[in-house]
């Protein structure tokens, strides 16, 4: 299933240096991290609204569309900051089989020892 994500990561990487007039990815990359983060914020808000609407209507098309937009823009951000999809997938794999509550507690304890 992650094959499409790997293909998308490569496409984003390939378009990073394209002409911004021809590539949305290149345009975002050239506008910088603040614009990319604004887009993530917009897409997150739209995803929340679509989820709320889907919970009432049972129609999930908009939720799927907005979630795809959110993932895409998050991948553009990761590429901009040279964070690979592989590193994110490895972090998810590391967490697999661990209770979310236990994982969150370990991060809190780790942060407390750093301060």
PDB file of N, CA and C in Angstrom:
ATOM      1  N   UNK A   1       0.815  -1.194   0.000  1.00  0.00           N
ATOM      2  CA  UNK A   1       0.000   0.000   0.000  1.00  0.00           C
ATOM      3  C   UNK A   1       0.862   1.263   0.000  1.00  0.00           C
ATOM      4  N   UNK A   2       2.033   1.213   0.611  1.00  0.00           N
ATOM      5  CA  UNK A   2       2.860   2.416   0.665  1.00  0.00           C
ATOM      6  C   UNK A   2       3.500   2.727  -0.686  1.00  0.00           C
ATOM      7  N   UNK A   3       3.327   1.861  -1.697  1.00  0.00           N
ATOM      8  CA  UNK A   3       3.901   2.112  -3.013  1.00  0.00           C
ATOM      9  C   UNK A   3       3.429   3.450  -3.560  1.00  0.00           C
ATOM     10  N   UNK A   4       2.160   3.779  -3.414  1.00  0.00           N
ATOM     11  CA  UNK A   4       1.654   5.055  -3.930  1.00  0.00           C
ATOM     12  C   UNK A   4       2.310   6.216  -3.182  1.00  0.00           C
ATOM     13  N   UNK A   5       2.555   6.046  -1.894  1.00  0.00           N
ATOM     14  CA  UNK A   5       3.231   7.096  -1.127  1.00  0.00           C
ATOM     15  C   UNK A   5       4.676   7.256  -1.591  1.00  0.00           C
ATOM     16  N   UNK A   6       5.340   6.154  -1.881  1.00  0.00           N
ATOM     17  CA  UNK A   6       6.717   6.219  -2.395  1.00  0.00           C
ATOM     18  C   UNK A   6       6.763   6.897  -3.763  1.00  0.00           C
ATOM     19  N   UNK A   7       5.780   6.579  -4.608  1.00  0.00           N
ATOM     20  CA  UNK A   7       5.704   7.228  -5.923  1.00  0.00           C
ATOM     21  C   UNK A   7       5.420   8.714  -5.769  1.00  0.00           C
ATOM     22  N   UNK A   8       4.537   9.062  -4.846  1.00  0.00           N
ATOM     23  CA  UNK A   8       4.227  10.466  -4.605  1.00  0.00           C
ATOM     24  C   UNK A   8       5.447  11.202  -4.068  1.00  0.00           C
ATOM     25  N   UNK A   9       6.170  10.579  -3.135  1.00  0.00           N
ATOM     26  CA  UNK A   9       7.383  11.195  -2.605  1.00  0.00           C
ATOM     27  C   UNK A   9       8.371  11.487  -3.738  1.00  0.00           C
ATOM     28  N   UNK A  10       8.554  10.544  -4.645  1.00  0.00           N
ATOM     29  CA  UNK A  10       9.490  10.742  -5.765  1.00  0.00           C
ATOM     30  C   UNK A  10       9.003  11.860  -6.686  1.00  0.00           C
ATOM     31  N   UNK A  11       7.708  11.911  -6.949  1.00  0.00           N
ATOM     32  CA  UNK A  11       7.158  12.963  -7.800  1.00  0.00           C
ATOM     33  C   UNK A  11       7.366  14.337  -7.164  1.00  0.00           C
ATOM     34  N   UNK A  12       7.112  14.441  -5.865  1.00  0.00           N
ATOM     35  CA  UNK A  12       7.327  15.701  -5.151  1.00  0.00           C
ATOM     36  C   UNK A  12       8.801  16.096  -5.238  1.00  0.00           C
ATOM     37  N   UNK A  13       9.687  15.148  -5.023  1.00  0.00           N
ATOM     38  CA  UNK A  13      11.132  15.412  -5.095  1.00  0.00           C
ATOM     39  C   UNK A  13      11.517  15.874  -6.498  1.00  0.00           C
ATOM     40  N   UNK A  14      10.979  15.191  -7.517  1.00  0.00           N
ATOM     41  CA  UNK A  14      11.297  15.539  -8.904  1.00  0.00           C
ATOM     42  C   UNK A  14      10.796  16.932  -9.271  1.00  0.00           C
ATOM     43  N   UNK A  15       9.669  17.322  -8.733  1.00  0.00           N
ATOM     44  CA  UNK A  15       9.071  18.610  -9.101  1.00  0.00           C
ATOM     45  C   UNK A  15       9.582  19.771  -8.257  1.00  0.00           C
ATOM     46  N   UNK A  16      10.344  19.470  -7.234  1.00  0.00           N
ATOM     47  CA  UNK A  16      10.866  20.513  -6.341  1.00  0.00           C
ATOM     48  C   UNK A  16      11.557  21.629  -7.125  1.00  0.00           C
ATOM     49  N   UNK A  17      12.307  21.261  -8.141  1.00  0.00           N
ATOM     50  CA  UNK A  17      13.092  22.249  -8.879  1.00  0.00           C
ATOM     51  C   UNK A  17      12.486  22.596 -10.244  1.00  0.00           C
ATOM     52  N   UNK A  18      11.264  22.180 -10.494  1.00  0.00           N
ATOM     53  CA  UNK A  18      10.601  22.522 -11.755  1.00  0.00           C
ATOM     54  C   UNK A  18      10.266  24.005 -11.794  1.00  0.00           C
ATOM     55  N   UNK A  19       9.830  24.449 -12.938  1.00  0.00           N
ATOM     56  CA  UNK A  19       9.390  25.833 -13.096  1.00  0.00           C
ATOM     57  C   UNK A  19       8.118  26.031 -12.267  1.00  0.00           C
ATOM     58  N   UNK A  20       8.111  27.003 -11.360  1.00  0.00           N
ATOM     59  CA  UNK A  20       6.929  27.234 -10.524  1.00  0.00           C
ATOM     60  C   UNK A  20       5.666  27.557 -11.332  1.00  0.00           C
ATOM     61  N   UNK A  21       5.832  28.052 -12.537  1.00  0.00           N
ATOM     62  CA  UNK A  21       4.675  28.329 -13.386  1.00  0.00           C
ATOM     63  C   UNK A  21       4.017  27.044 -13.873  1.00  0.00           C
ATOM     64  N   UNK A  22       4.782  25.954 -13.864  1.00  0.00           N
ATOM     65  CA  UNK A  22       4.294  24.671 -14.368  1.00  0.00           C
ATOM     66  C   UNK A  22       4.028  23.646 -13.272  1.00  0.00           C
ATOM     67  N   UNK A  23       4.469  23.921 -12.041  1.00  0.00           N
ATOM     68  CA  UNK A  23       4.392  22.912 -10.986  1.00  0.00           C
ATOM     69  C   UNK A  23       3.903  23.523  -9.677  1.00  0.00           C
ATOM     70  N   UNK A  24       2.801  22.997  -9.181  1.00  0.00           N
ATOM     71  CA  UNK A  24       2.268  23.438  -7.897  1.00  0.00           C
ATOM     72  C   UNK A  24       3.266  23.150  -6.778  1.00  0.00           C
ATOM     73  N   UNK A  25       3.892  21.984  -6.817  1.00  0.00           N
ATOM     74  CA  UNK A  25       4.882  21.613  -5.798  1.00  0.00           C
ATOM     75  C   UNK A  25       6.037  22.615  -5.803  1.00  0.00           C
ATOM     76  N   UNK A  26       6.557  22.908  -6.974  1.00  0.00           N
ATOM     77  CA  UNK A  26       7.656  23.857  -7.072  1.00  0.00           C
ATOM     78  C   UNK A  26       7.240  25.232  -6.571  1.00  0.00           C
ATOM     79  N   UNK A  27       6.031  25.630  -6.909  1.00  0.00           N
ATOM     80  CA  UNK A  27       5.512  26.919  -6.444  1.00  0.00           C
ATOM     81  C   UNK A  27       5.470  26.975  -4.917  1.00  0.00           C
ATOM     82  N   UNK A  28       4.953  25.921  -4.298  1.00  0.00           N
ATOM     83  CA  UNK A  28       4.926  25.866  -2.831  1.00  0.00           C
ATOM     84  C   UNK A  28       6.332  25.880  -2.253  1.00  0.00           C
ATOM     85  N   UNK A  29       7.212  25.073  -2.826  1.00  0.00           N
ATOM     86  CA  UNK A  29       8.581  24.995  -2.316  1.00  0.00           C
ATOM     87  C   UNK A  29       9.259  26.366  -2.379  1.00  0.00           C
ATOM     88  N   UNK A  30       9.045  27.083  -3.452  1.00  0.00           N
ATOM     89  CA  UNK A  30       9.672  28.399  -3.609  1.00  0.00           C
ATOM     90  C   UNK A  30       9.076  29.434  -2.665  1.00  0.00           C
ATOM     91  N   UNK A  31       7.790  29.272  -2.314  1.00  0.00           N
ATOM     92  CA  UNK A  31       7.166  30.216  -1.382  1.00  0.00           C
ATOM     93  C   UNK A  31       7.665  30.010   0.041  1.00  0.00           C
ATOM     94  N   UNK A  32       8.195  28.827   0.315  1.00  0.00           N
ATOM     95  CA  UNK A  32       8.830  28.567   1.593  1.00  0.00           C
ATOM     96  C   UNK A  32       7.952  27.869   2.616  1.00  0.00           C
ATOM     97  N   UNK A  33       8.580  27.606   3.743  1.00  0.00           N
ATOM     98  CA  UNK A  33       7.959  26.787   4.786  1.00  0.00           C
ATOM     99  C   UNK A  33       6.684  27.417   5.338  1.00  0.00           C
ATOM    100  N   UNK A  34       6.651  28.732   5.490  1.00  0.00           N
ATOM    101  CA  UNK A  34       5.450  29.352   6.050  1.00  0.00           C
ATOM    102  C   UNK A  34       4.234  29.107   5.167  1.00  0.00           C
ATOM    103  N   UNK A  35       4.400  29.221   3.856  1.00  0.00           N
ATOM    104  CA  UNK A  35       3.267  28.975   2.947  1.00  0.00           C
ATOM    105  C   UNK A  35       2.870  27.502   2.976  1.00  0.00           C
ATOM    106  N   UNK A  36       3.840  26.624   3.018  1.00  0.00           N
ATOM    107  CA  UNK A  36       3.534  25.191   3.090  1.00  0.00           C
ATOM    108  C   UNK A  36       2.753  24.897   4.368  1.00  0.00           C
ATOM    109  N   UNK A  37       3.179  25.470   5.478  1.00  0.00           N
ATOM    110  CA  UNK A  37       2.490  25.241   6.749  1.00  0.00           C
ATOM    111  C   UNK A  37       1.083  25.841   6.738  1.00  0.00           C
ATOM    112  N   UNK A  38       0.910  26.981   6.090  1.00  0.00           N
ATOM    113  CA  UNK A  38      -0.435  27.558   5.949  1.00  0.00           C
ATOM    114  C   UNK A  38      -1.342  26.588   5.204  1.00  0.00           C
ATOM    115  N   UNK A  39      -0.819  25.985   4.129  1.00  0.00           N
ATOM    116  CA  UNK A  39      -1.614  25.017   3.361  1.00  0.00           C
ATOM    117  C   UNK A  39      -1.967  23.802   4.219  1.00  0.00           C
ATOM    118  N   UNK A  40      -1.044  23.332   5.025  1.00  0.00           N
ATOM    119  CA  UNK A  40      -1.348  22.208   5.909  1.00  0.00           C
ATOM    120  C   UNK A  40      -2.450  22.604   6.879  1.00  0.00           C
ATOM    121  N   UNK A  41      -2.366  23.804   7.436  1.00  0.00           N
ATOM    122  CA  UNK A  41      -3.410  24.283   8.335  1.00  0.00           C
ATOM    123  C   UNK A  41      -4.768  24.354   7.655  1.00  0.00           C
ATOM    124  N   UNK A  42      -4.799  24.878   6.436  1.00  0.00           N
ATOM    125  CA  UNK A  42      -6.051  24.950   5.677  1.00  0.00           C
ATOM    126  C   UNK A  42      -6.614  23.551   5.440  1.00  0.00           C
ATOM    127  N   UNK A  43      -5.747  22.648   5.008  1.00  0.00           N
ATOM    128  CA  UNK A  43      -6.200  21.283   4.703  1.00  0.00           C
ATOM    129  C   UNK A  43      -6.640  20.547   5.961  1.00  0.00           C
ATOM    130  N   UNK A  44      -5.961  20.788   7.079  1.00  0.00           N
ATOM    131  CA  UNK A  44      -6.369  20.158   8.340  1.00  0.00           C
ATOM    132  C   UNK A  44      -7.762  20.639   8.742  1.00  0.00           C
ATOM    133  N   UNK A  45      -7.999  21.938   8.603  1.00  0.00           N
ATOM    134  CA  UNK A  45      -9.316  22.485   8.925  1.00  0.00           C
ATOM    135  C   UNK A  45     -10.382  21.899   8.011  1.00  0.00           C
ATOM    136  N   UNK A  46     -10.101  21.827   6.722  1.00  0.00           N
ATOM    137  CA  UNK A  46     -11.057  21.256   5.775  1.00  0.00           C
ATOM    138  C   UNK A  46     -11.309  19.777   6.069  1.00  0.00           C
ATOM    139  N   UNK A  47     -10.283  19.064   6.502  1.00  0.00           N
ATOM    140  CA  UNK A  47     -10.439  17.649   6.860  1.00  0.00           C
ATOM    141  C   UNK A  47     -11.344  17.507   8.084  1.00  0.00           C
ATOM    142  N   UNK A  48     -11.152  18.371   9.064  1.00  0.00           N
ATOM    143  CA  UNK A  48     -11.989  18.340  10.270  1.00  0.00           C
ATOM    144  C   UNK A  48     -13.447  18.601   9.912  1.00  0.00           C
ATOM    145  N   UNK A  49     -13.683  19.598   9.083  1.00  0.00           N
ATOM    146  CA  UNK A  49     -15.059  19.922   8.678  1.00  0.00           C
ATOM    147  C   UNK A  49     -15.666  18.759   7.905  1.00  0.00           C
ATOM    148  N   UNK A  50     -14.895  18.167   6.990  1.00  0.00           N
ATOM    149  CA  UNK A  50     -15.388  17.030   6.205  1.00  0.00           C
ATOM    150  C   UNK A  50     -15.694  15.837   7.102  1.00  0.00           C
ATOM    151  N   UNK A  51     -14.870  15.610   8.127  1.00  0.00           N
ATOM    152  CA  UNK A  51     -15.121  14.502   9.055  1.00  0.00           C
ATOM    153  C   UNK A  51     -16.400  14.750   9.843  1.00  0.00           C
ATOM    154  N   UNK A  52     -16.580  15.968  10.284  1.00  0.00           N
ATOM    155  CA  UNK A  52     -17.803  16.312  11.024  1.00  0.00           C
ATOM    156  C   UNK A  52     -19.020  16.104  10.134  1.00  0.00           C
ATOM    157  N   UNK A  53     -18.946  16.592   8.898  1.00  0.00           N
ATOM    158  CA  UNK A  53     -20.059  16.413   7.952  1.00  0.00           C
ATOM    159  C   UNK A  53     -20.318  14.928   7.682  1.00  0.00           C
ATOM    160  N   UNK A  54     -19.245  14.144   7.522  1.00  0.00           N
ATOM    161  CA  UNK A  54     -19.396  12.711   7.251  1.00  0.00           C
ATOM    162  C   UNK A  54     -20.028  11.989   8.429  1.00  0.00           C
ATOM    163  N   UNK A  55     -19.743  12.459   9.641  1.00  0.00           N
ATOM    164  CA  UNK A  55     -20.333  11.811  10.815  1.00  0.00           C
ATOM    165  C   UNK A  55     -21.838  12.009  10.872  1.00  0.00           C
ATOM    166  N   UNK A  56     -22.313  13.065  10.237  1.00  0.00           N
ATOM    167  CA  UNK A  56     -23.756  13.345  10.214  1.00  0.00           C
ATOM    168  C   UNK A  56     -24.403  12.727   8.986  1.00  0.00           C
ATOM    169  N   UNK A  57     -23.773  12.929   7.820  1.00  0.00           N
ATOM    170  CA  UNK A  57     -24.398  12.504   6.560  1.00  0.00           C
ATOM    171  C   UNK A  57     -24.089  11.063   6.172  1.00  0.00           C
ATOM    172  N   UNK A  58     -22.971  10.534   6.677  1.00  0.00           N
ATOM    173  CA  UNK A  58     -22.538   9.205   6.270  1.00  0.00           C
ATOM    174  C   UNK A  58     -21.811   9.211   4.933  1.00  0.00           C
ATOM    175  N   UNK A  59     -21.724  10.372   4.286  1.00  0.00           N
ATOM    176  CA  UNK A  59     -21.036  10.496   2.999  1.00  0.00           C
ATOM    177  C   UNK A  59     -19.572  10.816   3.259  1.00  0.00           C
ATOM    178  N   UNK A  60     -18.689  10.000   2.725  1.00  0.00           N
ATOM    179  CA  UNK A  60     -17.283  10.106   3.043  1.00  0.00           C
ATOM    180  C   UNK A  60     -16.398  10.630   1.912  1.00  0.00           C
ATOM    181  N   UNK A  61     -16.992  10.963   0.789  1.00  0.00           N
ATOM    182  CA  UNK A  61     -16.210  11.417  -0.361  1.00  0.00           C
ATOM    183  C   UNK A  61     -15.371  12.645  -0.061  1.00  0.00           C
ATOM    184  N   UNK A  62     -15.971  13.660   0.548  1.00  0.00           N
ATOM    185  CA  UNK A  62     -15.220  14.874   0.873  1.00  0.00           C
ATOM    186  C   UNK A  62     -14.134  14.589   1.902  1.00  0.00           C
ATOM    187  N   UNK A  63     -14.421  13.718   2.849  1.00  0.00           N
ATOM    188  CA  UNK A  63     -13.426  13.361   3.862  1.00  0.00           C
ATOM    189  C   UNK A  63     -12.208  12.696   3.214  1.00  0.00           C
ATOM    190  N   UNK A  64     -12.458  11.808   2.288  1.00  0.00           N
ATOM    191  CA  UNK A  64     -11.364  11.132   1.583  1.00  0.00           C
ATOM    192  C   UNK A  64     -10.555  12.149   0.781  1.00  0.00           C
ATOM    193  N   UNK A  65     -11.233  13.031   0.077  1.00  0.00           N
ATOM    194  CA  UNK A  65     -10.570  14.055  -0.726  1.00  0.00           C
ATOM    195  C   UNK A  65      -9.714  14.976   0.144  1.00  0.00           C
ATOM    196  N   UNK A  66     -10.277  15.456   1.225  1.00  0.00           N
ATOM    197  CA  UNK A  66      -9.552  16.393   2.091  1.00  0.00           C
ATOM    198  C   UNK A  66      -8.392  15.714   2.823  1.00  0.00           C
ATOM    199  N   UNK A  67      -8.566  14.461   3.205  1.00  0.00           N
ATOM    200  CA  UNK A  67      -7.478  13.731   3.850  1.00  0.00           C
ATOM    201  C   UNK A  67      -6.320  13.540   2.875  1.00  0.00           C
ATOM    202  N   UNK A  68      -6.644  13.231   1.620  1.00  0.00           N
ATOM    203  CA  UNK A  68      -5.594  13.097   0.598  1.00  0.00           C
ATOM    204  C   UNK A  68      -4.852  14.426   0.428  1.00  0.00           C
ATOM    205  N   UNK A  69      -5.591  15.540   0.420  1.00  0.00           N
ATOM    206  CA  UNK A  69      -4.944  16.858   0.323  1.00  0.00           C
ATOM    207  C   UNK A  69      -4.024  17.108   1.516  1.00  0.00           C
ATOM    208  N   UNK A  70      -4.492  16.746   2.703  1.00  0.00           N
ATOM    209  CA  UNK A  70      -3.694  16.939   3.919  1.00  0.00           C
ATOM    210  C   UNK A  70      -2.417  16.104   3.866  1.00  0.00           C
ATOM    211  N   UNK A  71      -2.543  14.836   3.491  1.00  0.00           N
ATOM    212  CA  UNK A  71      -1.355  13.983   3.384  1.00  0.00           C
ATOM    213  C   UNK A  71      -0.379  14.545   2.349  1.00  0.00           C
ATOM    214  N   UNK A  72      -0.909  14.972   1.192  1.00  0.00           N
ATOM    215  CA  UNK A  72      -0.058  15.514   0.132  1.00  0.00           C
ATOM    216  C   UNK A  72       0.739  16.715   0.640  1.00  0.00           C
ATOM    217  N   UNK A  73       0.056  17.659   1.248  1.00  0.00           N
ATOM    218  CA  UNK A  73       0.743  18.859   1.712  1.00  0.00           C
ATOM    219  C   UNK A  73       1.732  18.545   2.836  1.00  0.00           C
ATOM    220  N   UNK A  74       1.417  17.559   3.655  1.00  0.00           N
ATOM    221  CA  UNK A  74       2.350  17.130   4.690  1.00  0.00           C
ATOM    222  C   UNK A  74       3.604  16.526   4.054  1.00  0.00           C
ATOM    223  N   UNK A  75       3.419  15.802   2.966  1.00  0.00           N
ATOM    224  CA  UNK A  75       4.578  15.237   2.271  1.00  0.00           C
ATOM    225  C   UNK A  75       5.414  16.325   1.604  1.00  0.00           C
ATOM    226  N   UNK A  76       4.772  17.384   1.109  1.00  0.00           N
ATOM    227  CA  UNK A  76       5.525  18.512   0.554  1.00  0.00           C
ATOM    228  C   UNK A  76       6.368  19.153   1.657  1.00  0.00           C
ATOM    229  N   UNK A  77       5.776  19.306   2.846  1.00  0.00           N
ATOM    230  CA  UNK A  77       6.513  19.863   3.981  1.00  0.00           C
ATOM    231  C   UNK A  77       7.710  18.982   4.337  1.00  0.00           C
ATOM    232  N   UNK A  78       7.474  17.683   4.414  1.00  0.00           N
ATOM    233  CA  UNK A  78       8.562  16.764   4.758  1.00  0.00           C
ATOM    234  C   UNK A  78       9.690  16.875   3.734  1.00  0.00           C
ATOM    235  N   UNK A  79       9.333  16.925   2.460  1.00  0.00           N
ATOM    236  CA  UNK A  79      10.348  17.066   1.423  1.00  0.00           C
ATOM    237  C   UNK A  79      11.100  18.383   1.581  1.00  0.00           C
ATOM    238  N   UNK A  80      10.388  19.441   1.854  1.00  0.00           N
ATOM    239  CA  UNK A  80      11.015  20.757   2.027  1.00  0.00           C
ATOM    240  C   UNK A  80      12.053  20.728   3.150  1.00  0.00           C
ATOM    241  N   UNK A  81      11.775  19.944   4.177  1.00  0.00           N
ATOM    242  CA  UNK A  81      12.662  19.857   5.340  1.00  0.00           C
ATOM    243  C   UNK A  81      13.592  18.645   5.286  1.00  0.00           C
ATOM    244  N   UNK A  82      13.640  17.991   4.112  1.00  0.00           N
ATOM    245  CA  UNK A  82      14.501  16.812   3.900  1.00  0.00           C
ATOM    246  C   UNK A  82      14.213  15.686   4.894  1.00  0.00           C
ATOM    247  N   UNK A  83      12.945  15.468   5.164  1.00  0.00           N
ATOM    248  CA  UNK A  83      12.511  14.346   5.990  1.00  0.00           C
ATOM    249  C   UNK A  83      11.922  13.300   5.038  1.00  0.00           C
ATOM    250  N   UNK A  84      12.481  12.126   5.042  1.00  0.00           N
ATOM    251  CA  UNK A  84      12.043  11.097   4.100  1.00  0.00           C
ATOM    252  C   UNK A  84      10.791  10.384   4.583  1.00  0.00           C
ATOM    253  N   UNK A  85      10.041   9.900   3.616  1.00  0.00           N
ATOM    254  CA  UNK A  85       8.879   9.069   3.929  1.00  0.00           C
ATOM    255  C   UNK A  85       9.326   7.837   4.703  1.00  0.00           C
ATOM    256  N   UNK A  86      10.468   7.288   4.332  1.00  0.00           N
ATOM    257  CA  UNK A  86      10.996   6.103   5.006  1.00  0.00           C
ATOM    258  C   UNK A  86      11.181   6.359   6.506  1.00  0.00           C
ATOM    259  N   UNK A  87      11.687   7.536   6.868  1.00  0.00           N
ATOM    260  CA  UNK A  87      11.893   7.825   8.291  1.00  0.00           C
ATOM    261  C   UNK A  87      10.565   7.926   9.031  1.00  0.00           C
ATOM    262  N   UNK A  88       9.554   8.459   8.369  1.00  0.00           N
ATOM    263  CA  UNK A  88       8.223   8.553   8.993  1.00  0.00           C
ATOM    264  C   UNK A  88       7.614   7.164   9.134  1.00  0.00           C
ATOM    265  N   UNK A  89       7.741   6.361   8.084  1.00  0.00           N
ATOM    266  CA  UNK A  89       7.201   4.997   8.148  1.00  0.00           C
ATOM    267  C   UNK A  89       7.919   4.168   9.216  1.00  0.00           C
ATOM    268  N   UNK A  90       9.229   4.366   9.361  1.00  0.00           N
ATOM    269  CA  UNK A  90       9.963   3.646  10.409  1.00  0.00           C
ATOM    270  C   UNK A  90       9.492   4.060  11.797  1.00  0.00           C
ATOM    271  N   UNK A  91       9.179   5.341  11.972  1.00  0.00           N
ATOM    272  CA  UNK A  91       8.660   5.795  13.265  1.00  0.00           C
ATOM    273  C   UNK A  91       7.295   5.171  13.547  1.00  0.00           C
ATOM    274  N   UNK A  92       6.447   5.078  12.533  1.00  0.00           N
ATOM    275  CA  UNK A  92       5.150   4.418  12.716  1.00  0.00           C
ATOM    276  C   UNK A  92       5.338   2.940  13.036  1.00  0.00           C
ATOM    277  N   UNK A  93       6.283   2.319  12.341  1.00  0.00           N
ATOM    278  CA  UNK A  93       6.578   0.904  12.602  1.00  0.00           C
ATOM    279  C   UNK A  93       7.079   0.711  14.035  1.00  0.00           C
ATOM    280  N   UNK A  94       7.920   1.625  14.497  1.00  0.00           N
ATOM    281  CA  UNK A  94       8.445   1.540  15.863  1.00  0.00           C
ATOM    282  C   UNK A  94       7.308   1.580  16.882  1.00  0.00           C
ATOM    283  N   UNK A  95       6.300   2.353  16.573  1.00  0.00           N
ATOM    284  CA  UNK A  95       5.165   2.500  17.495  1.00  0.00           C
ATOM    285  C   UNK A  95       4.171   1.350  17.408  1.00  0.00           C
ATOM    286  N   UNK A  96       4.236   0.580  16.327  1.00  0.00           N
ATOM    287  CA  UNK A  96       3.262  -0.485  16.120  1.00  0.00           C
ATOM    288  C   UNK A  96       3.336  -1.502  17.243  1.00  0.00           C
ATOM    289  N   UNK A  97       2.208  -1.873  17.761  1.00  0.00           N
ATOM    290  CA  UNK A  97       2.160  -2.850  18.840  1.00  0.00           C
ATOM    291  C   UNK A  97       2.353  -2.234  20.214  1.00  0.00           C
ATOM    292  N   UNK A  98       2.554  -0.920  20.249  1.00  0.00           N
ATOM    293  CA  UNK A  98       2.689  -0.214  21.523  1.00  0.00           C
ATOM    294  C   UNK A  98       1.403   0.548  21.765  1.00  0.00           C
ATOM    295  N   UNK A  99       0.903   0.465  22.956  1.00  0.00           N
ATOM    296  CA  UNK A  99      -0.289   1.226  23.307  1.00  0.00           C
ATOM    297  C   UNK A  99      -0.025   2.700  23.062  1.00  0.00           C
ATOM    298  N   UNK A 100      -0.996   3.388  22.466  1.00  0.00           N
ATOM    299  CA  UNK A 100      -0.867   4.823  22.257  1.00  0.00           C
ATOM    300  C   UNK A 100      -0.653   5.564  23.556  1.00  0.00           C
ATOM    301  N   UNK A 101      -1.290   5.095  24.612  1.00  0.00           N
ATOM    302  CA  UNK A 101      -1.130   5.735  25.916  1.00  0.00           C
ATOM    303  C   UNK A 101       0.293   5.536  26.446  1.00  0.00           C
ATOM    304  N   UNK A 102       0.820   4.331  26.272  1.00  0.00           N
ATOM    305  CA  UNK A 102       2.186   4.053  26.735  1.00  0.00           C
ATOM    306  C   UNK A 102       3.200   4.848  25.912  1.00  0.00           C
ATOM    307  N   UNK A 103       2.965   4.953  24.603  1.00  0.00           N
ATOM    308  CA  UNK A 103       3.878   5.696  23.738  1.00  0.00           C
ATOM    309  C   UNK A 103       3.882   7.172  24.122  1.00  0.00           C
ATOM    310  N   UNK A 104       2.710   7.719  24.362  1.00  0.00           N
ATOM    311  CA  UNK A 104       2.607   9.134  24.750  1.00  0.00           C
ATOM    312  C   UNK A 104       3.294   9.377  26.094  1.00  0.00           C
ATOM    313  N   UNK A 105       3.118   8.440  27.032  1.00  0.00           N
ATOM    314  CA  UNK A 105       3.755   8.569  28.346  1.00  0.00           C
ATOM    315  C   UNK A 105       5.276   8.541  28.206  1.00  0.00           C
ATOM    316  N   UNK A 106       5.793   7.673  27.341  1.00  0.00           N
ATOM    317  CA  UNK A 106       7.245   7.591  27.171  1.00  0.00           C
ATOM    318  C   UNK A 106       7.794   8.880  26.582  1.00  0.00           C
ATOM    319  N   UNK A 107       7.033   9.536  25.688  1.00  0.00           N
ATOM    320  CA  UNK A 107       7.482  10.825  25.136  1.00  0.00           C
ATOM    321  C   UNK A 107       7.479  11.890  26.228  1.00  0.00           C
ATOM    322  N   UNK A 108       6.464  11.880  27.094  1.00  0.00           N
ATOM    323  CA  UNK A 108       6.401  12.856  28.199  1.00  0.00           C
ATOM    324  C   UNK A 108       7.570  12.677  29.148  1.00  0.00           C
ATOM    325  N   UNK A 109       7.877  11.418  29.480  1.00  0.00           N
ATOM    326  CA  UNK A 109       8.998  11.137  30.375  1.00  0.00           C
ATOM    327  C   UNK A 109      10.309  11.525  29.726  1.00  0.00           C
ATOM    328  N   UNK A 110      10.445  11.274  28.430  1.00  0.00           N
ATOM    329  CA  UNK A 110      11.660  11.632  27.718  1.00  0.00           C
ATOM    330  C   UNK A 110      11.844  13.146  27.682  1.00  0.00           C
ATOM    331  N   UNK A 111      10.757  13.871  27.458  1.00  0.00           N
ATOM    332  CA  UNK A 111      10.822  15.333  27.444  1.00  0.00           C
ATOM    333  C   UNK A 111      11.166  15.886  28.817  1.00  0.00           C
ATOM    334  N   UNK A 112      10.678  15.260  29.882  1.00  0.00           N
ATOM    335  CA  UNK A 112      10.940  15.721  31.244  1.00  0.00           C
ATOM    336  C   UNK A 112      12.420  15.567  31.592  1.00  0.00           C
ATOM    337  N   UNK A 113      13.049  14.496  31.103  1.00  0.00           N
ATOM    338  CA  UNK A 113      14.469  14.280  31.412  1.00  0.00           C
ATOM    339  C   UNK A 113      15.367  15.225  30.610  1.00  0.00           C
ATOM    340  N   UNK A 114      14.879  15.732  29.478  1.00  0.00           N
ATOM    341  CA  UNK A 114      15.645  16.663  28.665  1.00  0.00           C
ATOM    342  C   UNK A 114      15.630  18.076  29.269  1.00  0.00           C
ATOM    343  N   UNK A 115      14.607  18.398  30.005  1.00  0.00           N
ATOM    344  CA  UNK A 115      14.478  19.781  30.531  1.00  0.00           C
ATOM    345  C   UNK A 115      15.167  19.963  31.822  1.00  0.00           C
TER     346      UNK A 115
END
